[in-house]
Amino acid sequence: MGRLQDLSNLLLAISALIGSISAFYQIIAKTKHNAPPDKSDMSVDDIQNKIKKLQKKLKEDKHD
């Protein structure tokens, strides 16, 4: 009877561990989903505008 109780406790501990890991990953996934866009995530328009600004600055630096 003692072995059955030990096995039951082990299964309960394993299920609690799996549940906590699952909750942890759900929190991580939700955080990533709701996170604001990173500075490195730029759209094509943003990149084109950045290139134009840098080209303009380069031309100004050449003339100075």
N, C-alpha and C. Protein backbone atom coordinates (compact mmCIF):
# COMPACT_ATOMS: atom_id res chain seq x y z
N MET A 1 0.83 -1.20 0.00
CA MET A 1 0.00 0.00 0.00
C MET A 1 0.86 1.25 0.00
N GLY A 2 2.02 1.17 0.64
CA GLY A 2 2.92 2.31 0.71
C GLY A 2 3.48 2.68 -0.65
N ARG A 3 3.76 1.65 -1.47
CA ARG A 3 4.29 1.92 -2.79
C ARG A 3 3.27 2.63 -3.66
N LEU A 4 2.02 2.24 -3.51
CA LEU A 4 0.95 2.87 -4.29
C LEU A 4 0.80 4.33 -3.91
N GLN A 5 0.93 4.62 -2.63
CA GLN A 5 0.86 6.01 -2.16
C GLN A 5 2.04 6.83 -2.69
N ASP A 6 3.24 6.21 -2.68
CA ASP A 6 4.42 6.89 -3.22
C ASP A 6 4.26 7.18 -4.71
N LEU A 7 3.73 6.22 -5.45
CA LEU A 7 3.50 6.39 -6.88
C LEU A 7 2.47 7.50 -7.13
N SER A 8 1.45 7.52 -6.31
CA SER A 8 0.42 8.55 -6.42
C SER A 8 1.01 9.94 -6.16
N ASN A 9 1.84 10.05 -5.13
CA ASN A 9 2.48 11.33 -4.83
C ASN A 9 3.42 11.77 -5.95
N LEU A 10 4.12 10.80 -6.54
CA LEU A 10 5.03 11.10 -7.64
C LEU A 10 4.25 11.63 -8.84
N LEU A 11 3.16 10.95 -9.17
CA LEU A 11 2.33 11.40 -10.30
C LEU A 11 1.74 12.79 -10.03
N LEU A 12 1.35 13.05 -8.82
CA LEU A 12 0.81 14.36 -8.46
C LEU A 12 1.88 15.43 -8.59
N ALA A 13 3.09 15.14 -8.16
CA ALA A 13 4.18 16.11 -8.27
C ALA A 13 4.54 16.36 -9.73
N ILE A 14 4.56 15.31 -10.55
CA ILE A 14 4.87 15.47 -11.97
C ILE A 14 3.79 16.30 -12.66
N SER A 15 2.55 16.04 -12.35
CA SER A 15 1.47 16.81 -12.99
C SER A 15 1.51 18.28 -12.55
N ALA A 16 1.85 18.53 -11.31
CA ALA A 16 1.98 19.92 -10.85
C ALA A 16 3.14 20.61 -11.56
N LEU A 17 4.24 19.91 -11.76
CA LEU A 17 5.39 20.47 -12.47
C LEU A 17 5.04 20.77 -13.92
N ILE A 18 4.36 19.86 -14.58
CA ILE A 18 3.94 20.09 -15.97
C ILE A 18 2.98 21.28 -16.04
N GLY A 19 2.07 21.39 -15.09
CA GLY A 19 1.14 22.51 -15.07
C GLY A 19 1.85 23.84 -14.88
N SER A 20 2.84 23.89 -14.01
CA SER A 20 3.55 25.15 -13.79
C SER A 20 4.40 25.52 -15.00
N ILE A 21 5.01 24.54 -15.65
CA ILE A 21 5.78 24.82 -16.87
C ILE A 21 4.86 25.33 -17.97
N SER A 22 3.71 24.72 -18.10
CA SER A 22 2.74 25.15 -19.10
C SER A 22 2.28 26.59 -18.85
N ALA A 23 2.00 26.92 -17.61
CA ALA A 23 1.59 28.28 -17.27
C ALA A 23 2.72 29.28 -17.57
N PHE A 24 3.95 28.89 -17.28
CA PHE A 24 5.11 29.74 -17.54
C PHE A 24 5.23 30.05 -19.03
N TYR A 25 5.11 29.03 -19.87
CA TYR A 25 5.21 29.24 -21.31
C TYR A 25 4.04 30.06 -21.85
N GLN A 26 2.86 29.92 -21.27
CA GLN A 26 1.72 30.75 -21.70
C GLN A 26 1.98 32.21 -21.38
N ILE A 27 2.57 32.48 -20.24
CA ILE A 27 2.90 33.87 -19.87
C ILE A 27 3.93 34.43 -20.84
N ILE A 28 4.94 33.64 -21.16
CA ILE A 28 5.96 34.10 -22.11
C ILE A 28 5.34 34.38 -23.47
N ALA A 29 4.49 33.49 -23.95
CA ALA A 29 3.86 33.67 -25.25
C ALA A 29 2.97 34.91 -25.26
N LYS A 30 2.24 35.14 -24.19
CA LYS A 30 1.36 36.32 -24.13
C LYS A 30 2.20 37.59 -24.07
N THR A 31 3.30 37.57 -23.35
CA THR A 31 4.17 38.73 -23.25
C THR A 31 4.76 39.07 -24.61
N LYS A 32 5.21 38.06 -25.34
CA LYS A 32 5.77 38.29 -26.67
C LYS A 32 4.71 38.82 -27.62
N HIS A 33 3.49 38.32 -27.49
CA HIS A 33 2.40 38.73 -28.38
C HIS A 33 2.02 40.20 -28.14
N ASN A 34 2.03 40.62 -26.90
CA ASN A 34 1.60 41.97 -26.54
C ASN A 34 2.75 42.97 -26.50
N ALA A 35 3.96 42.52 -26.77
CA ALA A 35 5.12 43.40 -26.68
C ALA A 35 5.09 44.43 -27.80
N PRO A 36 5.52 45.65 -27.51
CA PRO A 36 5.59 46.65 -28.57
C PRO A 36 6.67 46.27 -29.57
N PRO A 37 6.56 46.73 -30.79
CA PRO A 37 7.57 46.35 -31.77
C PRO A 37 8.96 46.81 -31.36
N ASP A 38 9.91 45.99 -31.63
CA ASP A 38 11.29 46.28 -31.29
C ASP A 38 11.84 47.33 -32.24
N LYS A 39 12.84 48.05 -31.81
CA LYS A 39 13.46 49.08 -32.63
C LYS A 39 14.05 48.46 -33.91
N SER A 40 14.50 47.23 -33.82
CA SER A 40 15.09 46.57 -34.98
C SER A 40 14.03 46.11 -35.98
N ASP A 41 12.75 46.04 -35.56
CA ASP A 41 11.68 45.65 -36.47
C ASP A 41 11.16 46.89 -37.19
N MET A 42 11.77 47.21 -38.31
CA MET A 42 11.38 48.40 -39.05
C MET A 42 10.66 47.99 -40.33
N SER A 43 9.67 48.77 -40.73
CA SER A 43 8.97 48.49 -41.97
C SER A 43 9.82 48.98 -43.14
N VAL A 44 9.40 48.63 -44.33
CA VAL A 44 10.14 49.04 -45.53
C VAL A 44 10.15 50.56 -45.64
N ASP A 45 9.02 51.20 -45.35
CA ASP A 45 8.95 52.66 -45.42
C ASP A 45 9.92 53.31 -44.43
N ASP A 46 10.00 52.76 -43.24
CA ASP A 46 10.93 53.29 -42.24
C ASP A 46 12.37 53.17 -42.72
N ILE A 47 12.67 52.04 -43.31
CA ILE A 47 14.04 51.82 -43.80
C ILE A 47 14.36 52.77 -44.94
N GLN A 48 13.40 52.96 -45.86
CA GLN A 48 13.63 53.88 -46.97
C GLN A 48 13.82 55.31 -46.47
N ASN A 49 13.01 55.71 -45.50
CA ASN A 49 13.16 57.06 -44.93
C ASN A 49 14.51 57.21 -44.25
N LYS A 50 14.94 56.18 -43.55
CA LYS A 50 16.24 56.21 -42.88
C LYS A 50 17.37 56.34 -43.90
N ILE A 51 17.25 55.61 -45.01
CA ILE A 51 18.27 55.69 -46.06
C ILE A 51 18.32 57.09 -46.65
N LYS A 52 17.15 57.67 -46.92
CA LYS A 52 17.11 59.02 -47.48
C LYS A 52 17.74 60.04 -46.53
N LYS A 53 17.44 59.92 -45.25
CA LYS A 53 18.00 60.84 -44.26
C LYS A 53 19.53 60.71 -44.21
N LEU A 54 20.01 59.47 -44.25
CA LEU A 54 21.46 59.26 -44.20
C LEU A 54 22.13 59.77 -45.47
N GLN A 55 21.47 59.58 -46.63
CA GLN A 55 22.03 60.10 -47.87
C GLN A 55 22.10 61.62 -47.85
N LYS A 56 21.04 62.24 -47.33
CA LYS A 56 21.00 63.69 -47.24
C LYS A 56 22.11 64.19 -46.31
N LYS A 57 22.26 63.51 -45.18
CA LYS A 57 23.30 63.89 -44.23
C LYS A 57 24.69 63.73 -44.85
N LEU A 58 24.88 62.66 -45.62
CA LEU A 58 26.16 62.43 -46.27
C LEU A 58 26.47 63.54 -47.28
N LYS A 59 25.47 63.95 -48.04
CA LYS A 59 25.66 65.03 -49.00
C LYS A 59 26.02 66.33 -48.31
N GLU A 60 25.34 66.60 -47.18
CA GLU A 60 25.62 67.82 -46.42
C GLU A 60 27.04 67.78 -45.85
N ASP A 61 27.45 66.62 -45.38
CA ASP A 61 28.81 66.48 -44.84
C ASP A 61 29.87 66.65 -45.91
N LYS A 62 29.55 66.19 -47.13
CA LYS A 62 30.51 66.34 -48.24
C LYS A 62 30.71 67.82 -48.60
N HIS A 63 29.62 68.59 -48.55
CA HIS A 63 29.68 69.98 -48.94
C HIS A 63 30.33 70.85 -47.86
N ASP A 64 30.38 70.35 -46.65
CA ASP A 64 30.97 71.15 -45.55
C ASP A 64 32.43 71.02 -45.48
